[in-house]
Each structure stands twice: as C-alpha cells, then as structure tokens.
C-alpha cells in the first residue's frame, strides 16, 4: 500500500480530516501534511467568507509539472453562525476539492462528497424538513454532487421503507433489541465483527451465556417499568447458530419470559450465516420458536474463494442447508453475496447471480468488499487481488439489473470506509419480505439496545433525538469479567435518555 502525502495550505487545520476523507476516495492511503515540501501533491485553498462562501483550490503535481484549478460558492442562511457556518465552509471546501481531484484523475465519484455511512438518512431528513422530493433531489445534486442513478436508488429505497414501515417516523415510541453472539466456526479474512472461533471455548461460551441471560432479564425489567414495546429482535454476531441447540433454546425461553409483549414483536431474525453451523435440530428449533427470518450466507459460489477467505464450508454445503431449511418450513431466507472478493470479477459474479436465480431467496444483500481496519485481508493486502474500480462498478450495476429483472426491490443501503470503487451495500427483497430491523438500524429512527458481546446500544432520546452509543466488550472473557458494570452504565444512560416522561409517550 502506497501512502500519498498531500501538502495543504490556506485552510484551517480543522478541515484536514475532511480533506483526507475526500482524497481517500481517489487514493488508497492518504495523509494530509502542513509541512512545506513534504507532499507528493500540494493543495492550496483560498477561502472568502461572507455570503456566499467562496472557495478556490489549486492542485499541483510537482513531478508532472501540472496544475488543476476548481472553485465553488456556497450560500449561507442569515441565521447560520458558529458550527452551522463552519459546516457550510466544510461543504464548500469538499465540493471544490472533489472537482479538482475528479479533473486531475479522470475518476467520477458516484456519491459526490458524501463519505458517511447513511445517505438514505440524509434524504429522509430533507423530506422530514418539509422539502418536496423534487427540491430534495436538487439539493443532493447541487450541494452533494450525487449522480442521478444514486439519487434514483435512494428514492426507491425511501419509498419502500415508508411503505413497509408506515410508522417509521414515529418509532421512537418503541425500541429494538440486538443480541450479539460472538462465536463462529472460523473467522473470515475480511471480517472485523466480534467473532471468535468457537472450538475449545466451552468455558467462555457458558460464561458468556450466563452474562447474556442476566442482561436480557435486567433490560426486560427496564422495559416493563417504562411500558416500552419491542419492535424487532435481531440475533447477530459472530454466528448465533454456532452455539448448541439447547443453548439457543434457553436463550429463546429467557427472551420470552423477560421481554414485555414478546408475542407482539414485529420481527424476529436469527443470522445463520455460516451453513456449517446448521443442522435439522437447529432449524427445527428456529421453526418452533417462530423465527421470522434467517440468513444463510454463501458470500461466493466459488470454492477457491471460500477457502481463500477462511469460510470452512463448501458450495455444496450451502446449497444443501438452504434446501433443508426450505423443507423444514423456513420461508423467509436472506442470502449475502460480496462484490469484489479476491480473484472474482464480473464473470464470476454473473455465475453467482445465476445460482441465486435458481434459489430465489426472499432477500439478497449485495455487499461491496470493504478493507476494514484490523481484518486479516487489510493487514495482508499484497496477498489478495481484488476487483478494480471499473469492475466493481460493473458488478454493482449487474446486481441492480438482475434484482429488477427478478422482481426484487432495494429497501436499505449503507456505505463503509475503504469500500471498493466508492460504491455501496444494498439489501434487495421481494416486496413484503424486507427486514424491518435492517431499515430501523440504518435510518436511526429508534433506540436499539445491544445485549451480548460486541453489541453496541444506540440510544436515541425520544425527547431530543440525540444519539448516545454504549458498546459492550468485544472479547468473550472481557465481557464475562465486566458485563455487570457495563449493564449498570447502560441502564443509567437509558434512564437519562428517556427520563420520567417515557411512560406517557
């Protein structure tokens, strides 16, 4: 990996991080410096305050003896001062920088200046502010430089979400629960989730589950006291189905006995992402407990790829477990594919879509590979040959066209840092089979209380809308040692967010 140093002048250091994020859309690894003479490139900004804000930027490549120029003006509302004014300056800087980098590299960024995870949330916010859809579209083009095809995708998703969950904007009257089970058969090379090989960890598993039962009971009491219903429950990880059927059964019993209005939960999902964790006993258990939705995730239908990324199951096993789940009456199954896995290009991806066409799962989540900090793949990038920007864009387009042909609709979307081709992850589903939890977590419309290892509670005050994160420890032994302390802290933060008025909501 080659580090690109960019010398920056004429702009407040408060914007350096934003400059790095935009620059990283074009170069693998970027570092902004204000030490003259140390950069591979230089960026000189000229900023004129007032209304409108004016930003000009010159990019110089000393090796090629070339320069490129760009400028942008951003209007400011009369009441925007301090933090809001600085936000407008940041947008103008990002806008001018994007232009000059696109001009110099020839690369067009489909998501414009957006570098965050949730572009759909931006469109939701514009609509909630009373903007008609046409005006919101123009803002996305003018202020954020989104390409038309991405705006169309966002519009489809927003429409689908508000159709599936008509009360999406009022969900702060309820909460959802995420249950983190941190064990997997093996850890995949691209993964940074809390996932620990379960072999030889019997003591850790039992100790972890004892703590999780206690957490479920305490949170159930908190919900009862405040008369708060639960919208969705999602078992993730890791791979929840890595634990035994008896252990899973005990967890379901604890949930049913502890969570108020358990029978009125709208959706119960269990990730069974690794086919090598499934058998008849576990699938029968999921059916008996009326699990609404499961995931069986191939990621790829190429044997060599599965071995390379550390998934110790075969393509045959994926197909067999999928068919077994169907025979046992599980009728809402999600499958995942990852665009850009090592040594896979458009031809391989087409083959995977052909297999999906035969299987016809109720939903298909198409991820674009992201080089996550801390993953085995990121730490050993030289070992893995992945798709380039153009190939990645082609596969994203193929997925969208295939989904439309097959009758799937896009219903949620999120993006990640260091994602190939600056693309996105999209969940497609047959109409009526969408995951409610996936919509809720991406649009941040309600509190999600995280229980278990690596689970992050995202606590959203129903009064102020402020978001507070409360993470549980990621490592099983650390969780076992400290879960009571973290539980006490979490309940305190929940009390602060909801206050005495919660029962009146």
Protein backbone atom coordinates (compact mmCIF):
# COMPACT_ATOMS: atom_id res chain seq x y z
CA UNK A 1 0.00 0.00 0.00
CA UNK A 2 1.44 3.35 -1.06
CA UNK A 3 0.94 6.31 1.26
CA UNK A 4 0.13 9.55 -0.59
CA UNK A 5 1.20 12.69 1.29
CA UNK A 6 -0.68 15.85 0.35
CA UNK A 7 0.69 19.23 1.42
CA UNK A 8 -2.19 21.57 2.26
CA UNK A 9 -2.10 25.34 2.72
CA UNK A 10 -4.59 28.18 3.02
CA UNK A 11 -7.18 26.30 5.07
CA UNK A 12 -7.81 25.85 8.80
CA UNK A 13 -6.45 22.51 10.16
CA UNK A 14 -9.98 21.78 11.43
CA UNK A 15 -10.76 20.76 7.82
CA UNK A 16 -7.74 18.44 7.36
CA UNK A 17 -9.72 15.32 8.25
CA UNK A 18 -12.41 16.20 5.70
CA UNK A 19 -9.74 16.76 3.07
CA UNK A 20 -8.27 13.33 3.86
CA UNK A 21 -11.68 11.65 3.55
CA UNK A 22 -12.40 13.18 0.13
CA UNK A 23 -8.85 12.48 -1.08
CA UNK A 24 -9.15 8.85 0.10
CA UNK A 25 -11.93 8.36 -2.46
CA UNK A 26 -9.23 8.67 -5.13
CA UNK A 27 -6.10 7.24 -3.46
CA UNK A 28 -5.67 4.15 -1.28
CA UNK A 29 -3.92 5.72 1.68
CA UNK A 30 -3.75 9.48 2.24
CA UNK A 31 -2.07 11.70 4.79
CA UNK A 32 -2.53 15.47 4.89
CA UNK A 33 0.50 17.48 6.00
CA UNK A 34 1.15 21.18 6.51
CA UNK A 35 4.93 20.78 6.27
CA UNK A 36 6.06 22.53 3.10
CA UNK A 37 7.96 20.39 0.59
CA UNK A 38 6.89 17.03 2.07
CA UNK A 39 3.88 16.19 -0.13
CA UNK A 40 3.52 14.10 -3.28
CA UNK A 41 0.93 16.71 -4.27
CA UNK A 42 0.02 20.13 -2.93
CA UNK A 43 -3.37 21.72 -2.42
CA UNK A 44 -3.66 25.46 -1.92
CA UNK A 45 -7.05 26.82 -0.83
CA UNK A 46 -8.32 30.38 -0.93
CA UNK A 47 -11.42 30.92 1.23
CA UNK A 48 -13.55 34.04 1.11
CA UNK A 49 -16.04 34.38 3.96
CA UNK A 50 -19.37 36.11 3.86
CA UNK A 51 -22.42 35.12 1.89
CA UNK A 52 -21.90 33.26 -0.33
CA UNK A 53 -18.78 31.50 0.92
CA UNK A 54 -16.23 31.23 -1.90
CA UNK A 55 -13.57 28.51 -2.07
CA UNK A 56 -10.89 28.15 -4.74
CA UNK A 57 -8.32 25.35 -4.81
CA UNK A 58 -5.23 24.63 -6.88
CA UNK A 59 -3.81 21.11 -7.08
CA UNK A 60 -0.14 20.91 -8.08
CA UNK A 61 1.70 17.77 -9.15
CA UNK A 62 5.39 18.74 -8.94
CA UNK A 63 6.53 15.57 -10.70
CA UNK A 64 4.42 16.18 -13.81
CA UNK A 65 4.73 19.95 -13.58
CA UNK A 66 0.94 20.21 -13.85
CA UNK A 67 -1.76 22.22 -12.10
CA UNK A 68 -5.54 21.96 -11.89
CA UNK A 69 -8.00 24.54 -10.54
CA UNK A 70 -11.53 24.45 -9.19
CA UNK A 71 -13.84 26.74 -7.25
CA UNK A 72 -17.19 26.63 -5.53
CA UNK A 73 -19.62 29.02 -3.88
CA UNK A 74 -21.97 28.03 -1.07
CA UNK A 75 -24.90 30.19 0.06
CA UNK A 76 -25.40 30.72 3.78
CA UNK A 77 -28.70 31.31 5.58
CA UNK A 78 -28.90 34.53 7.60
CA UNK A 79 -29.20 32.66 10.91
CA UNK A 80 -26.29 30.27 10.32
CA UNK A 81 -23.38 31.09 12.61
CA UNK A 82 -20.67 29.24 14.51
CA UNK A 83 -20.96 25.49 13.99
CA UNK A 84 -23.54 25.78 11.21
CA UNK A 85 -21.44 28.34 9.34
CA UNK A 86 -18.36 26.12 9.66
CA UNK A 87 -20.41 23.25 8.22
CA UNK A 88 -21.11 25.34 5.11
CA UNK A 89 -17.39 26.15 4.76
CA UNK A 90 -16.61 22.43 5.04
CA UNK A 91 -19.13 21.63 2.29
CA UNK A 92 -17.63 24.30 0.02
CA UNK A 93 -14.09 23.01 0.66
CA UNK A 94 -15.19 19.42 -0.03
CA UNK A 95 -17.06 20.47 -3.18
CA UNK A 96 -14.08 22.35 -4.68
CA UNK A 97 -11.69 19.55 -3.68
CA UNK A 98 -13.88 16.87 -5.28
CA UNK A 99 -13.96 18.87 -8.54
CA UNK A 100 -10.21 19.32 -8.73
CA UNK A 101 -9.49 15.67 -7.91
CA UNK A 102 -12.01 14.45 -10.48
CA UNK A 103 -10.44 16.72 -13.06
CA UNK A 104 -6.89 15.60 -12.32
CA UNK A 105 -7.60 11.84 -12.07
CA UNK A 106 -10.45 11.41 -14.55
CA UNK A 107 -12.37 9.49 -11.87
CA UNK A 108 -16.01 10.42 -11.23
CA UNK A 109 -17.35 9.73 -7.73
CA UNK A 110 -20.93 8.40 -7.85
CA UNK A 111 -21.66 9.55 -4.28
CA UNK A 112 -20.16 13.01 -4.72
CA UNK A 113 -18.80 14.48 -1.48
CA UNK A 114 -20.69 12.03 0.75
CA UNK A 115 -18.32 9.90 2.82
CA UNK A 116 -20.75 8.82 5.57
CA UNK A 117 -22.49 5.51 6.14
CA UNK A 118 -26.14 6.54 5.69
CA UNK A 119 -27.03 8.53 2.54
CA UNK A 120 -30.65 7.40 2.88
CA UNK A 121 -30.83 9.16 6.25
CA UNK A 122 -29.89 12.42 4.51
CA UNK A 123 -32.83 12.12 2.12
CA UNK A 124 -35.18 11.17 4.98
CA UNK A 125 -34.03 14.31 6.85
CA UNK A 126 -34.67 16.58 3.87
CA UNK A 127 -38.19 15.16 3.49
CA UNK A 128 -38.88 15.45 7.23
CA UNK A 129 -37.84 19.10 6.99
CA UNK A 130 -40.73 19.61 4.61
CA UNK A 131 -38.83 19.58 1.31
CA UNK A 132 -40.77 18.20 -1.66
CA UNK A 133 -38.99 15.27 -3.33
CA UNK A 134 -38.06 17.39 -6.38
CA UNK A 135 -36.37 20.01 -4.20
CA UNK A 136 -34.60 17.31 -2.16
CA UNK A 137 -33.25 15.84 -5.42
CA UNK A 138 -31.87 19.21 -6.48
CA UNK A 139 -30.16 19.63 -3.10
CA UNK A 140 -28.50 16.21 -3.47
CA UNK A 141 -27.22 17.21 -6.92
CA UNK A 142 -26.25 20.81 -6.17
CA UNK A 143 -24.90 20.55 -2.62
CA UNK A 144 -23.57 16.99 -2.55
CA UNK A 145 -22.83 16.18 -6.21
CA UNK A 146 -24.64 12.83 -6.22
CA UNK A 147 -25.02 11.16 -9.59
CA UNK A 148 -28.59 10.69 -10.90
CA UNK A 149 -28.52 6.88 -10.70
CA UNK A 150 -27.65 7.01 -6.99
CA UNK A 151 -30.45 9.50 -6.33
CA UNK A 152 -32.91 7.18 -8.09
CA UNK A 153 -31.69 4.33 -5.90
CA UNK A 154 -32.20 6.43 -2.75
CA UNK A 155 -35.72 7.41 -3.86
CA UNK A 156 -36.68 3.78 -4.46
CA UNK A 157 -35.38 2.79 -1.04
CA UNK A 158 -37.11 5.65 0.80
CA UNK A 159 -40.40 4.78 -0.88
CA UNK A 160 -40.03 1.12 0.02
CA UNK A 161 -39.09 1.82 3.64
CA UNK A 162 -42.09 4.06 4.30
CA UNK A 163 -44.35 1.51 2.60
CA UNK A 164 -43.04 -1.39 4.70
CA UNK A 165 -43.00 0.60 7.96
CA UNK A 166 -45.71 3.29 7.63
CA UNK A 167 -44.94 4.50 11.18
CA UNK A 168 -41.20 4.71 10.53
CA UNK A 169 -41.01 8.34 11.70
CA UNK A 170 -42.89 7.54 14.95
CA UNK A 171 -40.86 4.50 16.01
CA UNK A 172 -39.27 6.37 18.92
CA UNK A 173 -42.27 5.12 20.94
CA UNK A 174 -40.71 1.63 20.80
CA UNK A 175 -37.22 0.05 20.89
CA UNK A 176 -35.49 -2.86 19.16
CA UNK A 177 -33.04 -5.38 20.59
CA UNK A 178 -29.77 -6.68 19.12
CA UNK A 179 -28.32 -9.87 20.63
CA UNK A 180 -24.60 -10.32 19.90
CA UNK A 181 -23.29 -13.91 19.89
CA UNK A 182 -19.53 -13.59 19.32
CA UNK A 183 -18.70 -17.10 18.10
CA UNK A 184 -18.08 -18.53 14.61
CA UNK A 185 -16.64 -21.81 13.32
CA UNK A 186 -13.68 -19.75 11.96
CA UNK A 187 -13.01 -16.06 11.31
CA UNK A 188 -13.28 -14.81 7.72
CA UNK A 189 -10.38 -12.84 6.26
CA UNK A 190 -12.45 -9.69 5.59
CA UNK A 191 -14.23 -9.68 8.97
CA UNK A 192 -13.85 -7.22 11.85
CA UNK A 193 -17.02 -8.18 13.71
CA UNK A 194 -16.59 -9.67 17.19
CA UNK A 195 -16.19 -13.25 16.01
CA UNK A 196 -14.10 -15.88 17.79
CA UNK A 197 -13.56 -19.47 16.72
CA UNK A 198 -15.84 -21.50 18.99
CA UNK A 199 -13.68 -24.62 19.09
CA UNK A 200 -12.10 -25.13 22.52
CA UNK A 201 -14.05 -22.27 24.10
CA UNK A 202 -16.66 -24.24 26.07
CA UNK A 203 -15.95 -22.33 29.27
CA UNK A 204 -16.10 -18.97 27.54
CA UNK A 205 -19.38 -19.86 25.83
CA UNK A 206 -21.07 -20.90 29.08
CA UNK A 207 -19.74 -17.89 30.98
CA UNK A 208 -20.81 -15.54 28.20
CA UNK A 209 -24.32 -17.01 28.01
CA UNK A 210 -24.78 -16.68 31.78
CA UNK A 211 -23.97 -12.96 31.49
CA UNK A 212 -26.25 -12.57 28.46
CA UNK A 213 -29.18 -14.15 30.33
CA UNK A 214 -28.65 -11.66 33.16
CA UNK A 215 -28.54 -8.76 30.67
CA UNK A 216 -31.77 -9.87 28.99
CA UNK A 217 -33.54 -10.13 32.35
CA UNK A 218 -32.39 -6.69 33.53
CA UNK A 219 -33.29 -4.94 30.25
CA UNK A 220 -36.67 -6.72 30.28
CA UNK A 221 -37.36 -5.25 33.71
CA UNK A 222 -36.36 -1.79 32.49
CA UNK A 223 -38.75 -2.09 29.52
CA UNK A 224 -41.62 -3.25 31.74
CA UNK A 225 -41.16 -0.33 34.14
CA UNK A 226 -41.40 2.13 31.25
CA UNK A 227 -44.11 0.36 29.27
CA UNK A 228 -41.89 0.29 26.16
CA UNK A 229 -42.80 -2.24 23.43
CA UNK A 230 -40.16 -4.01 21.34
CA UNK A 231 -40.40 -3.65 17.55
CA UNK A 232 -37.78 -6.17 16.38
CA UNK A 233 -35.26 -8.61 17.87
CA UNK A 234 -32.13 -9.49 15.88
CA UNK A 235 -29.64 -12.22 16.78
CA UNK A 236 -26.29 -11.40 15.15
CA UNK A 237 -22.61 -11.85 15.85
CA UNK A 238 -20.46 -13.77 15.01
CA UNK A 239 -22.81 -16.53 14.02
CA UNK A 240 -25.57 -17.13 16.58
CA UNK A 241 -26.16 -20.67 15.33
CA UNK A 242 -22.59 -21.58 16.39
CA UNK A 243 -23.89 -22.34 19.90
CA UNK A 244 -25.77 -25.59 20.58
CA UNK A 245 -29.49 -26.10 20.03
CA UNK A 246 -30.02 -26.42 23.82
CA UNK A 247 -28.17 -23.15 24.44
CA UNK A 248 -30.28 -21.42 21.77
CA UNK A 249 -33.46 -22.86 23.24
CA UNK A 250 -32.57 -21.49 26.68
CA UNK A 251 -31.92 -18.06 25.16
CA UNK A 252 -35.33 -18.00 23.46
CA UNK A 253 -37.03 -19.02 26.71
CA UNK A 254 -35.24 -16.25 28.59
CA UNK A 255 -36.31 -13.73 25.93
CA UNK A 256 -39.95 -14.85 26.04
CA UNK A 257 -40.10 -14.74 29.85
CA UNK A 258 -38.24 -11.42 30.19
CA UNK A 259 -39.33 -9.15 27.32
CA UNK A 260 -42.72 -7.49 27.76
CA UNK A 261 -45.21 -8.00 24.91
CA UNK A 262 -42.85 -10.61 23.40
CA UNK A 263 -45.73 -12.05 21.38
CA UNK A 264 -46.28 -8.69 19.65
CA UNK A 265 -42.69 -8.26 18.42
CA UNK A 266 -42.98 -7.48 14.71
CA UNK A 267 -39.92 -9.41 13.55
CA UNK A 268 -37.50 -11.99 15.00
CA UNK A 269 -34.35 -12.58 12.95
CA UNK A 270 -31.52 -15.06 13.52
CA UNK A 271 -28.37 -14.90 11.44
CA UNK A 272 -27.39 -18.44 10.50
CA UNK A 273 -24.84 -17.01 8.11
CA UNK A 274 -22.45 -19.93 8.17
CA UNK A 275 -24.05 -23.02 6.60
CA UNK A 276 -21.63 -25.21 8.58
CA UNK A 277 -23.47 -24.25 11.81
CA UNK A 278 -26.87 -25.56 10.68
CA UNK A 279 -28.47 -28.97 11.09
CA UNK A 280 -32.00 -30.36 11.38
CA UNK A 281 -32.12 -29.89 15.16
CA UNK A 282 -31.29 -26.18 14.99
CA UNK A 283 -33.55 -25.48 12.03
CA UNK A 284 -36.42 -27.28 13.81
CA UNK A 285 -35.75 -25.11 16.88
CA UNK A 286 -35.87 -21.90 14.81
CA UNK A 287 -39.15 -23.05 13.26
CA UNK A 288 -40.70 -23.93 16.65
CA UNK A 289 -39.75 -20.54 18.07
CA UNK A 290 -41.42 -18.87 15.08
CA UNK A 291 -38.29 -17.10 13.88
CA UNK A 292 -39.48 -14.83 11.06
CA UNK A 293 -36.26 -14.53 9.11
CA UNK A 294 -32.87 -16.25 8.88
CA UNK A 295 -29.71 -15.63 6.86
CA UNK A 296 -27.74 -18.35 5.10
CA UNK A 297 -24.84 -16.53 3.52
CA UNK A 298 -22.76 -18.04 0.71
CA UNK A 299 -20.75 -14.80 0.03
CA UNK A 300 -19.48 -16.60 -3.08
CA UNK A 301 -20.30 -19.75 -5.04
CA UNK A 302 -16.66 -20.34 -5.94
CA UNK A 303 -14.85 -22.98 -3.88
CA UNK A 304 -11.40 -21.41 -4.24
CA UNK A 305 -12.71 -18.10 -2.93
CA UNK A 306 -14.32 -19.70 0.12
CA UNK A 307 -11.01 -21.33 1.05
CA UNK A 308 -9.06 -18.14 0.46
CA UNK A 309 -11.29 -16.01 2.70
CA UNK A 310 -11.44 -18.58 5.50
CA UNK A 311 -15.00 -19.83 5.22
CA UNK A 312 -14.70 -23.50 6.04
CA UNK A 313 -17.77 -24.69 4.20
CA UNK A 314 -18.32 -25.78 0.61
CA UNK A 315 -20.70 -24.51 -2.06
CA UNK A 316 -22.44 -27.89 -1.88
CA UNK A 317 -22.98 -27.45 1.86
CA UNK A 318 -24.53 -24.01 1.34
CA UNK A 319 -26.98 -25.39 -1.21
CA UNK A 320 -27.84 -28.43 0.92
CA UNK A 321 -28.51 -26.37 4.07
CA UNK A 322 -30.60 -23.87 2.12
CA UNK A 323 -32.75 -26.69 0.70
CA UNK A 324 -33.01 -28.28 4.16
CA UNK A 325 -34.24 -25.01 5.65
CA UNK A 326 -36.85 -24.79 2.88
CA UNK A 327 -38.04 -28.37 3.52
CA UNK A 328 -38.39 -27.58 7.22
CA UNK A 329 -40.70 -24.66 6.52
CA UNK A 330 -38.44 -21.63 6.95
CA UNK A 331 -39.92 -19.33 4.34
CA UNK A 332 -38.06 -16.02 4.73
CA UNK A 333 -34.39 -16.59 3.98
CA UNK A 334 -31.79 -13.93 3.24
CA UNK A 335 -28.56 -14.66 1.40
CA UNK A 336 -25.46 -12.46 1.04
CA UNK A 337 -23.06 -12.00 -1.84
CA UNK A 338 -19.88 -9.92 -1.70
CA UNK A 339 -18.76 -7.99 -4.77
CA UNK A 340 -15.01 -7.85 -5.32
CA UNK A 341 -13.76 -10.85 -3.34
CA UNK A 342 -10.20 -11.90 -4.27
CA UNK A 343 -9.83 -13.18 -7.84
CA UNK A 344 -13.51 -12.57 -8.63
CA UNK A 345 -14.67 -10.24 -11.39
CA UNK A 346 -17.88 -9.64 -13.35
CA UNK A 347 -17.92 -13.11 -14.96
CA UNK A 348 -17.71 -14.87 -11.58
CA UNK A 349 -20.34 -12.55 -10.15
CA UNK A 350 -22.71 -13.33 -13.05
CA UNK A 351 -22.31 -17.03 -12.21
CA UNK A 352 -23.23 -16.34 -8.58
CA UNK A 353 -26.33 -14.44 -9.71
CA UNK A 354 -27.28 -17.41 -11.91
CA UNK A 355 -27.23 -19.64 -8.82
CA UNK A 356 -29.30 -17.08 -6.91
CA UNK A 357 -31.81 -17.13 -9.76
CA UNK A 358 -32.36 -20.84 -9.13
CA UNK A 359 -32.57 -20.48 -5.34
CA UNK A 360 -34.77 -17.35 -5.22
CA UNK A 361 -34.24 -16.40 -1.56
CA UNK A 362 -36.74 -13.88 -0.21
CA UNK A 363 -33.96 -11.31 0.11
CA UNK A 364 -30.44 -10.85 -1.19
CA UNK A 365 -27.96 -8.46 0.37
CA UNK A 366 -25.23 -7.41 -2.05
CA UNK A 367 -22.18 -6.16 -0.18
CA UNK A 368 -19.22 -4.46 -1.82
CA UNK A 369 -15.93 -5.55 -0.29
CA UNK A 370 -14.52 -3.10 2.23
CA UNK A 371 -10.96 -3.18 3.53
CA UNK A 372 -11.77 -2.86 7.22
CA UNK A 373 -9.01 -1.84 9.56
CA UNK A 374 -7.97 -4.84 11.64
CA UNK A 375 -9.13 -7.54 9.21
CA UNK A 376 -6.70 -10.22 8.04
CA UNK A 377 -7.26 -9.12 4.45
CA UNK A 378 -6.38 -5.50 5.17
CA UNK A 379 -3.26 -6.47 7.11
CA UNK A 380 -2.10 -8.66 4.22
CA UNK A 381 -3.36 -6.72 1.19
CA UNK A 382 -0.50 -7.89 -1.02
CA UNK A 383 -1.84 -11.47 -0.83
CA UNK A 384 -5.22 -10.62 -2.30
CA UNK A 385 -6.02 -9.49 -5.86
CA UNK A 386 -9.38 -7.72 -5.87
CA UNK A 387 -11.56 -6.03 -8.48
CA UNK A 388 -10.61 -2.59 -9.72
CA UNK A 389 -12.89 0.47 -9.69
CA UNK A 390 -14.44 -0.18 -13.11
CA UNK A 391 -15.05 -3.88 -12.45
CA UNK A 392 -16.64 -3.05 -9.10
CA UNK A 393 -18.98 -0.52 -10.72
CA UNK A 394 -19.91 -3.08 -13.37
CA UNK A 395 -20.81 -5.69 -10.72
CA UNK A 396 -22.91 -3.17 -8.76
CA UNK A 397 -24.78 -2.41 -12.00
CA UNK A 398 -25.23 -6.14 -12.75
CA UNK A 399 -26.72 -6.71 -9.27
CA UNK A 400 -29.20 -3.86 -9.71
CA UNK A 401 -30.30 -5.01 -13.17
CA UNK A 402 -30.58 -8.64 -12.05
CA UNK A 403 -32.64 -7.70 -8.98
CA UNK A 404 -35.07 -5.65 -11.08
CA UNK A 405 -35.46 -8.48 -13.60
CA UNK A 406 -36.17 -10.96 -10.80
CA UNK A 407 -38.75 -8.76 -9.04
CA UNK A 408 -36.62 -7.75 -6.07
CA UNK A 409 -36.77 -4.17 -4.77
CA UNK A 410 -33.97 -2.27 -2.98
CA UNK A 411 -35.01 -1.49 0.59
CA UNK A 412 -31.93 -0.49 2.58
CA UNK A 413 -28.45 0.79 1.83
CA UNK A 414 -25.30 1.66 3.68
CA UNK A 415 -21.74 2.56 2.84
CA UNK A 416 -18.37 1.92 4.50
CA UNK A 417 -14.93 3.44 4.55
CA UNK A 418 -12.44 1.89 2.13
CA UNK A 419 -15.24 0.26 0.13
CA UNK A 420 -14.17 -0.82 -3.36
CA UNK A 421 -14.94 1.72 -6.06
CA UNK A 422 -16.58 4.05 -3.50
CA UNK A 423 -19.78 2.04 -4.01
CA UNK A 424 -22.37 0.74 -1.51
CA UNK A 425 -24.08 -2.25 0.10
CA UNK A 426 -27.72 -2.78 -0.87
CA UNK A 427 -30.41 -5.05 0.52
CA UNK A 428 -32.87 -6.33 -2.09
CA UNK A 429 -36.07 -8.21 -1.23
CA UNK A 430 -39.30 -9.44 -2.74
CA UNK A 431 -41.97 -6.87 -1.79
CA UNK A 432 -43.27 -7.69 1.69
CA UNK A 433 -40.20 -9.72 2.70
CA UNK A 434 -37.94 -6.81 3.74
CA UNK A 435 -36.04 -6.92 7.05
CA UNK A 436 -37.59 -4.34 9.39
CA UNK A 437 -34.52 -4.38 11.62
CA UNK A 438 -32.20 -3.50 8.73
CA UNK A 439 -34.33 -0.47 7.90
CA UNK A 440 -34.52 0.65 11.53
CA UNK A 441 -30.79 0.40 12.25
CA UNK A 442 -29.81 2.23 9.09
CA UNK A 443 -32.28 5.09 9.43
CA UNK A 444 -31.71 5.56 13.21
CA UNK A 445 -35.39 6.12 13.95
CA UNK A 446 -35.42 4.40 17.36
CA UNK A 447 -33.24 3.11 20.18
CA UNK A 448 -31.59 -0.25 19.60
CA UNK A 449 -30.45 -1.84 22.86
CA UNK A 450 -27.44 -4.08 22.32
CA UNK A 451 -27.04 -7.16 24.53
CA UNK A 452 -24.10 -9.55 24.48
CA UNK A 453 -20.56 -9.46 23.15
CA UNK A 454 -19.60 -6.57 20.89
CA UNK A 455 -23.19 -5.31 20.88
CA UNK A 456 -23.45 -1.52 20.65
CA UNK A 457 -26.52 0.13 22.11
CA UNK A 458 -27.58 3.13 20.05
CA UNK A 459 -29.72 5.11 22.48
CA UNK A 460 -31.86 7.80 20.84
CA UNK A 461 -33.68 10.15 23.18
CA UNK A 462 -37.38 10.36 22.20
CA UNK A 463 -37.40 13.93 23.52
CA UNK A 464 -34.27 15.43 21.92
CA UNK A 465 -33.30 12.93 19.18
CA UNK A 466 -29.72 12.89 20.50
CA UNK A 467 -27.83 9.64 19.89
CA UNK A 468 -25.60 8.04 22.54
CA UNK A 469 -23.56 4.91 21.81
CA UNK A 470 -22.88 2.39 24.58
CA UNK A 471 -20.64 -0.52 23.49
CA UNK A 472 -20.30 -3.84 25.26
CA UNK A 473 -16.85 -5.51 25.35
CA UNK A 474 -16.00 -7.40 22.16
CA UNK A 475 -13.92 -10.24 23.62
CA UNK A 476 -15.83 -13.01 25.50
CA UNK A 477 -13.62 -13.06 28.60
CA UNK A 478 -13.69 -9.27 28.86
CA UNK A 479 -17.49 -9.43 28.62
CA UNK A 480 -17.67 -12.11 31.33
CA UNK A 481 -15.46 -10.02 33.63
CA UNK A 482 -17.26 -6.70 33.19
CA UNK A 483 -20.83 -7.21 31.90
CA UNK A 484 -22.46 -6.18 35.20
CA UNK A 485 -20.57 -2.89 35.24
CA UNK A 486 -21.42 -2.21 31.59
CA UNK A 487 -25.07 -3.17 32.21
CA UNK A 488 -25.34 -0.70 35.11
CA UNK A 489 -23.86 2.06 32.94
CA UNK A 490 -26.16 1.23 30.02
CA UNK A 491 -29.31 1.35 32.16
CA UNK A 492 -28.19 4.69 33.58
CA UNK A 493 -27.75 6.14 30.06
CA UNK A 494 -31.15 4.75 29.07
CA UNK A 495 -32.72 6.42 32.12
CA UNK A 496 -31.10 9.73 31.20
CA UNK A 497 -32.34 9.49 27.59
CA UNK A 498 -35.91 8.52 28.45
CA UNK A 499 -36.48 10.19 31.82
CA UNK A 500 -39.73 10.07 33.78
CA UNK A 501 -41.86 11.02 30.77
CA UNK A 502 -41.31 7.77 28.91
CA UNK A 503 -44.47 6.08 30.19
CA UNK A 504 -46.54 8.92 28.69
CA UNK A 505 -45.15 8.50 25.15
